[in-house]
N, C-alpha and C. Protein backbone atom coordinates (compact mmCIF):
# COMPACT_ATOMS: atom_id res chain seq x y z
N MET A 1 -48.78 109.93 142.23
CA MET A 1 -47.63 108.77 142.27
C MET A 1 -47.02 109.37 143.96
N ASP A 2 -46.37 108.34 144.72
CA ASP A 2 -45.61 108.98 146.04
C ASP A 2 -44.78 109.21 146.23
N ILE A 3 -43.95 110.12 147.02
CA ILE A 3 -42.81 110.99 147.04
C ILE A 3 -41.50 109.90 146.62
N ASP A 4 -41.58 108.89 146.92
CA ASP A 4 -40.71 107.78 147.02
C ASP A 4 -40.47 107.18 145.48
N GLU A 5 -41.71 107.23 144.67
CA GLU A 5 -41.72 106.78 143.06
C GLU A 5 -41.15 108.04 142.28
N ALA A 6 -41.76 109.29 143.20
CA ALA A 6 -41.12 110.79 142.29
C ALA A 6 -39.70 110.93 142.32
N PHE A 7 -39.19 110.31 143.56
CA PHE A 7 -37.83 110.66 143.71
C PHE A 7 -36.88 109.89 142.79
N GLY A 8 -37.52 108.22 142.93
CA GLY A 8 -36.90 107.54 141.79
C GLY A 8 -36.93 107.80 140.54
N LEU A 9 -38.19 108.33 139.73
CA LEU A 9 -37.97 108.58 139.06
C LEU A 9 -37.26 110.16 138.27
N VAL A 10 -36.84 110.86 139.26
CA VAL A 10 -35.88 112.44 139.21
C VAL A 10 -34.73 111.67 139.51
N LEU A 11 -34.76 110.70 139.99
CA LEU A 11 -33.06 110.39 140.15
C LEU A 11 -32.61 109.68 138.81
N ARG A 12 -33.56 109.09 138.02
CA ARG A 12 -33.45 107.84 137.35
C ARG A 12 -32.95 108.73 135.68
N GLU A 13 -33.76 110.09 135.92
CA GLU A 13 -33.96 111.00 134.48
C GLU A 13 -32.15 112.06 134.53
N ILE A 14 -32.12 112.51 135.57
CA ILE A 14 -30.65 113.37 135.93
C ILE A 14 -29.64 112.22 135.64
N ARG A 15 -29.43 110.59 136.55
CA ARG A 15 -28.62 109.54 136.17
C ARG A 15 -28.23 109.56 134.98
N GLU A 16 -29.56 109.42 134.07
CA GLU A 16 -29.57 108.97 132.38
C GLU A 16 -28.91 109.99 131.84
N PHE A 17 -29.38 111.64 132.09
CA PHE A 17 -28.56 112.71 131.68
C PHE A 17 -27.47 113.06 131.52
N ARG A 18 -26.80 112.30 132.96
CA ARG A 18 -25.46 112.65 133.23
C ARG A 18 -24.89 111.57 132.50
N GLY A 19 -25.55 110.70 131.91
CA GLY A 19 -24.61 109.00 131.40
C GLY A 19 -24.25 108.71 132.11
N LEU A 20 -24.63 108.36 133.48
CA LEU A 20 -24.22 107.38 134.58
C LEU A 20 -25.09 106.32 134.34
N LYS A 21 -24.36 105.24 134.91
CA LYS A 21 -24.61 103.98 135.34
C LYS A 21 -25.38 103.54 136.67
N GLN A 22 -26.36 102.65 136.78
CA GLN A 22 -26.54 102.45 138.55
C GLN A 22 -25.52 102.15 139.16
N ASP A 23 -24.17 101.50 138.92
CA ASP A 23 -23.13 101.47 139.49
C ASP A 23 -22.11 102.47 139.43
N SER A 24 -22.60 103.45 139.16
CA SER A 24 -21.68 104.74 139.01
C SER A 24 -21.32 105.41 140.02
N PHE A 25 -22.28 105.17 141.20
CA PHE A 25 -22.37 106.16 142.45
C PHE A 25 -20.91 105.42 143.57
N GLY A 26 -20.13 104.86 143.11
CA GLY A 26 -19.11 104.33 144.21
C GLY A 26 -19.57 104.40 145.62
N SER A 27 -18.90 105.13 146.89
CA SER A 27 -19.34 104.71 148.31
C SER A 27 -20.73 105.63 148.56
N ALA A 28 -21.04 106.30 147.74
CA ALA A 28 -22.52 107.00 147.94
C ALA A 28 -23.59 105.73 147.58
N ALA A 29 -23.64 105.13 146.94
CA ALA A 29 -24.74 104.33 146.95
C ALA A 29 -24.19 103.15 146.28
N SER A 30 -24.72 101.48 146.62
CA SER A 30 -24.51 100.80 145.53
C SER A 30 -25.42 100.59 144.39
N ARG A 31 -25.35 99.85 143.29
CA ARG A 31 -26.08 99.41 142.21
C ARG A 31 -27.58 99.06 142.71
N ASN A 32 -27.34 98.33 143.67
CA ASN A 32 -28.74 97.59 143.88
C ASN A 32 -29.65 98.45 144.77
N TYR A 33 -29.16 99.19 145.67
CA TYR A 33 -29.86 100.23 146.27
C TYR A 33 -30.35 101.32 145.31
N ILE A 34 -29.25 101.83 144.57
CA ILE A 34 -29.78 102.82 143.35
C ILE A 34 -31.08 102.43 142.58
N GLY A 35 -30.97 101.16 142.54
CA GLY A 35 -32.33 100.38 141.58
C GLY A 35 -33.29 100.39 142.16
N ARG A 36 -33.32 100.47 143.24
CA ARG A 36 -34.28 100.44 144.31
C ARG A 36 -34.84 101.58 144.29
N LEU A 37 -34.18 102.57 144.56
CA LEU A 37 -34.20 103.79 144.70
C LEU A 37 -35.52 104.20 143.64
N GLU A 38 -34.89 103.88 142.36
CA GLU A 38 -35.07 104.15 141.01
C GLU A 38 -36.68 103.57 141.09
N LYS A 39 -36.89 102.30 141.95
CA LYS A 39 -38.46 101.71 141.53
C LYS A 39 -39.31 102.23 142.86
N GLY A 40 -38.91 103.46 143.34
CA GLY A 40 -39.65 103.57 144.81
C GLY A 40 -39.77 102.62 145.46
N GLU A 41 -38.60 101.71 145.57
CA GLU A 41 -39.06 100.93 146.26
C GLU A 41 -38.56 101.39 148.05
N HIS A 42 -37.92 102.36 148.25
CA HIS A 42 -36.94 102.96 149.47
C HIS A 42 -36.91 104.44 149.28
N SER A 43 -36.81 104.96 150.67
CA SER A 43 -36.91 106.18 151.05
C SER A 43 -35.08 106.35 151.65
N PRO A 44 -34.93 107.29 150.97
CA PRO A 44 -33.09 107.62 151.70
C PRO A 44 -33.06 108.79 152.48
N THR A 45 -32.22 108.49 153.45
CA THR A 45 -31.35 109.38 154.18
C THR A 45 -31.52 110.58 153.76
N LEU A 46 -31.47 111.80 154.27
CA LEU A 46 -30.65 113.20 154.16
C LEU A 46 -29.57 112.98 154.10
N GLU A 47 -28.87 112.52 154.55
CA GLU A 47 -27.47 112.10 154.33
C GLU A 47 -27.14 111.40 152.92
N ARG A 48 -27.71 110.11 152.95
CA ARG A 48 -27.58 109.62 151.60
C ARG A 48 -28.36 110.62 150.36
N VAL A 49 -29.49 111.26 150.59
CA VAL A 49 -29.39 112.30 149.05
C VAL A 49 -28.50 112.88 149.14
N GLU A 50 -27.84 113.37 149.82
CA GLU A 50 -26.83 114.67 149.54
C GLU A 50 -25.28 114.03 149.17
N LYS A 51 -25.24 112.64 149.21
CA LYS A 51 -23.86 111.71 148.49
C LYS A 51 -24.75 111.39 147.18
N ILE A 52 -25.61 110.82 146.88
CA ILE A 52 -26.30 111.16 145.81
C ILE A 52 -25.91 111.73 144.75
N ALA A 53 -26.80 113.44 145.45
CA ALA A 53 -26.37 114.60 144.83
C ALA A 53 -25.51 115.14 144.32
N ASP A 54 -24.02 114.99 144.99
CA ASP A 54 -23.24 115.10 144.60
C ASP A 54 -22.33 114.07 143.73
N ALA A 55 -22.90 113.15 143.72
CA ALA A 55 -22.44 112.09 142.55
C ALA A 55 -23.06 112.27 141.34
N LEU A 56 -24.16 112.89 141.30
CA LEU A 56 -24.86 113.45 139.76
C LEU A 56 -24.46 114.63 139.50
N GLY A 57 -23.79 115.56 140.50
CA GLY A 57 -22.84 116.85 140.45
C GLY A 57 -24.35 117.85 140.36
N VAL A 58 -25.29 117.64 141.36
CA VAL A 58 -26.77 118.43 141.50
C VAL A 58 -26.76 118.90 142.84
N ASP A 59 -27.51 119.95 143.31
CA ASP A 59 -27.64 120.32 144.49
C ASP A 59 -28.63 119.28 144.76
N PRO A 60 -28.19 118.75 146.71
CA PRO A 60 -29.27 117.82 147.09
C PRO A 60 -30.78 118.58 146.86
N VAL A 61 -30.94 119.55 147.37
CA VAL A 61 -32.26 120.57 147.52
C VAL A 61 -33.07 120.34 145.98
N LEU A 62 -32.70 120.21 144.81
CA LEU A 62 -32.65 120.12 143.84
C LEU A 62 -33.66 118.46 143.42
N LEU A 63 -32.49 117.81 143.86
CA LEU A 63 -33.16 116.38 144.15
C LEU A 63 -34.70 116.26 144.48
N ILE A 64 -34.46 116.97 146.35
CA ILE A 64 -35.93 117.20 147.02
C ILE A 64 -37.40 118.17 146.10
N LEU A 65 -36.50 118.99 145.76
CA LEU A 65 -37.81 120.02 145.24
C LEU A 65 -38.30 119.40 144.09
N TRP A 66 -37.41 118.71 143.13
CA TRP A 66 -38.05 118.03 142.16
C TRP A 66 -38.81 117.21 141.97
N SER A 67 -38.39 116.16 142.99
CA SER A 67 -39.52 114.98 143.52
C SER A 67 -41.00 115.36 144.07
N TYR A 68 -40.81 116.39 145.09
CA TYR A 68 -42.11 116.73 145.27
C TYR A 68 -42.70 117.74 144.32
N ASP A 69 -42.45 118.34 143.39
CA ASP A 69 -43.08 118.37 142.16
C ASP A 69 -43.52 117.16 141.00
N ARG A 70 -42.39 116.70 141.23
CA ARG A 70 -43.23 115.70 140.38
C ARG A 70 -44.52 114.64 140.82
N ALA A 71 -44.06 114.33 142.17
CA ALA A 71 -45.41 113.94 143.17
C ALA A 71 -46.63 114.51 143.24
N GLY A 72 -46.89 115.75 143.18
CA GLY A 72 -47.85 116.35 143.37
C GLY A 72 -48.32 117.02 141.76
N ASP A 73 -47.74 116.08 140.69
CA ASP A 73 -47.64 116.68 139.24
C ASP A 73 -47.94 117.95 138.99
N LYS A 74 -46.74 119.09 139.32
CA LYS A 74 -46.67 120.43 139.74
C LYS A 74 -46.10 120.59 138.48
N ALA A 75 -45.78 121.69 137.86
CA ALA A 75 -45.01 122.27 137.01
C ALA A 75 -43.33 122.45 137.70
N LEU A 76 -42.19 121.78 137.13
CA LEU A 76 -41.09 122.63 137.55
C LEU A 76 -40.66 123.07 138.33
N GLY A 77 -40.47 123.82 139.59
CA GLY A 77 -40.50 124.85 140.04
C GLY A 77 -40.87 125.00 141.22
N THR A 78 -42.08 124.89 141.31
CA THR A 78 -43.21 125.30 142.10
C THR A 78 -42.97 124.83 143.38
N SER A 79 -42.37 123.94 144.13
CA SER A 79 -41.89 123.55 145.30
C SER A 79 -41.24 124.86 145.88
N GLY A 80 -39.83 125.00 144.93
CA GLY A 80 -39.22 125.76 144.94
C GLY A 80 -39.31 126.86 145.49
N GLU A 81 -40.51 127.33 144.85
CA GLU A 81 -41.12 128.54 144.71
C GLU A 81 -41.91 129.08 146.18
N LYS A 82 -42.55 127.80 146.16
CA LYS A 82 -43.09 127.93 148.25
C LYS A 82 -42.49 127.70 148.84
N GLY A 83 -41.63 127.36 148.78
CA GLY A 83 -40.26 126.77 150.14
C GLY A 83 -40.26 128.25 150.00
N ASN A 84 -39.41 129.19 149.01
CA ASN A 84 -38.74 129.99 148.96
C ASN A 84 -39.42 131.14 149.90
N ASP A 85 -40.91 131.25 149.57
CA ASP A 85 -41.91 132.18 149.98
C ASP A 85 -42.02 131.81 151.70
N ALA A 86 -42.21 130.70 151.93
CA ALA A 86 -42.30 130.18 153.49
C ALA A 86 -40.84 130.54 154.09
N LEU A 87 -39.81 130.21 153.41
CA LEU A 87 -38.84 130.33 154.61
C LEU A 87 -38.67 132.36 154.49
N LYS A 88 -38.70 133.57 153.42
CA LYS A 88 -38.82 134.64 153.67
C LYS A 88 -39.91 134.94 154.78
N LYS A 89 -41.20 134.45 155.18
CA LYS A 89 -41.78 134.59 155.79
C LYS A 89 -41.52 134.11 157.03
N LEU A 90 -41.15 132.98 157.54
CA LEU A 90 -40.14 132.44 159.12
C LEU A 90 -39.82 133.20 158.99
N MET A 91 -38.38 133.58 158.33
CA MET A 91 -37.20 134.61 158.70
C MET A 91 -38.15 135.84 159.04
N ALA A 92 -38.80 136.60 158.33
CA ALA A 92 -39.40 138.05 159.07
C ALA A 92 -40.22 137.70 160.61
N ALA A 93 -40.73 136.34 160.60
CA ALA A 93 -41.60 136.36 161.70
C ALA A 93 -40.75 136.21 163.28
N MET A 94 -39.25 135.05 162.44
CA MET A 94 -38.50 135.17 163.63
C MET A 94 -37.93 136.72 163.72
N LEU A 95 -37.17 137.27 162.81
CA LEU A 95 -36.67 138.51 162.79
C LEU A 95 -37.79 139.57 164.14
N ASP A 96 -38.57 139.63 163.40
CA ASP A 96 -39.71 140.31 164.29
C ASP A 96 -40.08 139.81 165.53
N LEU A 97 -40.29 138.68 166.06
CA LEU A 97 -39.86 137.99 167.55
C LEU A 97 -38.69 138.21 167.99
N GLY A 98 -38.16 138.73 167.56
CA GLY A 98 -36.34 138.69 168.18
C GLY A 98 -36.29 140.36 168.14
N GLU A 99 -36.72 141.24 167.42
CA GLU A 99 -36.75 142.55 168.01
C GLU A 99 -37.61 142.54 168.90
N LYS A 100 -38.68 142.07 169.28
CA LYS A 100 -39.66 142.15 170.64
C LYS A 100 -38.88 142.08 171.86
N ARG A 101 -38.22 140.94 172.04
CA ARG A 101 -37.95 140.47 172.83
C ARG A 101 -36.86 141.30 173.88
């Protein structure tokens, strides 16, 4: 499954869990746009992901990470753990570089 299809699946699952309809997103996104996203026909911008996440009542990072887990057929939370580890390594390297300057 590609990332657009995975994002659409995650979006639909959370939307349905929250009891929302495709036209419940107000200015965040039209019913048609949400439908296209859920079918994996479109890739949203980060700004749009943030607006959609707000309408769903979730953190936008959750939408993105859960989508990557789904796209890679990984256990829920796997991408978040890897991302957190990578961020810690990057921050440590940047701090180390800053101390050497």
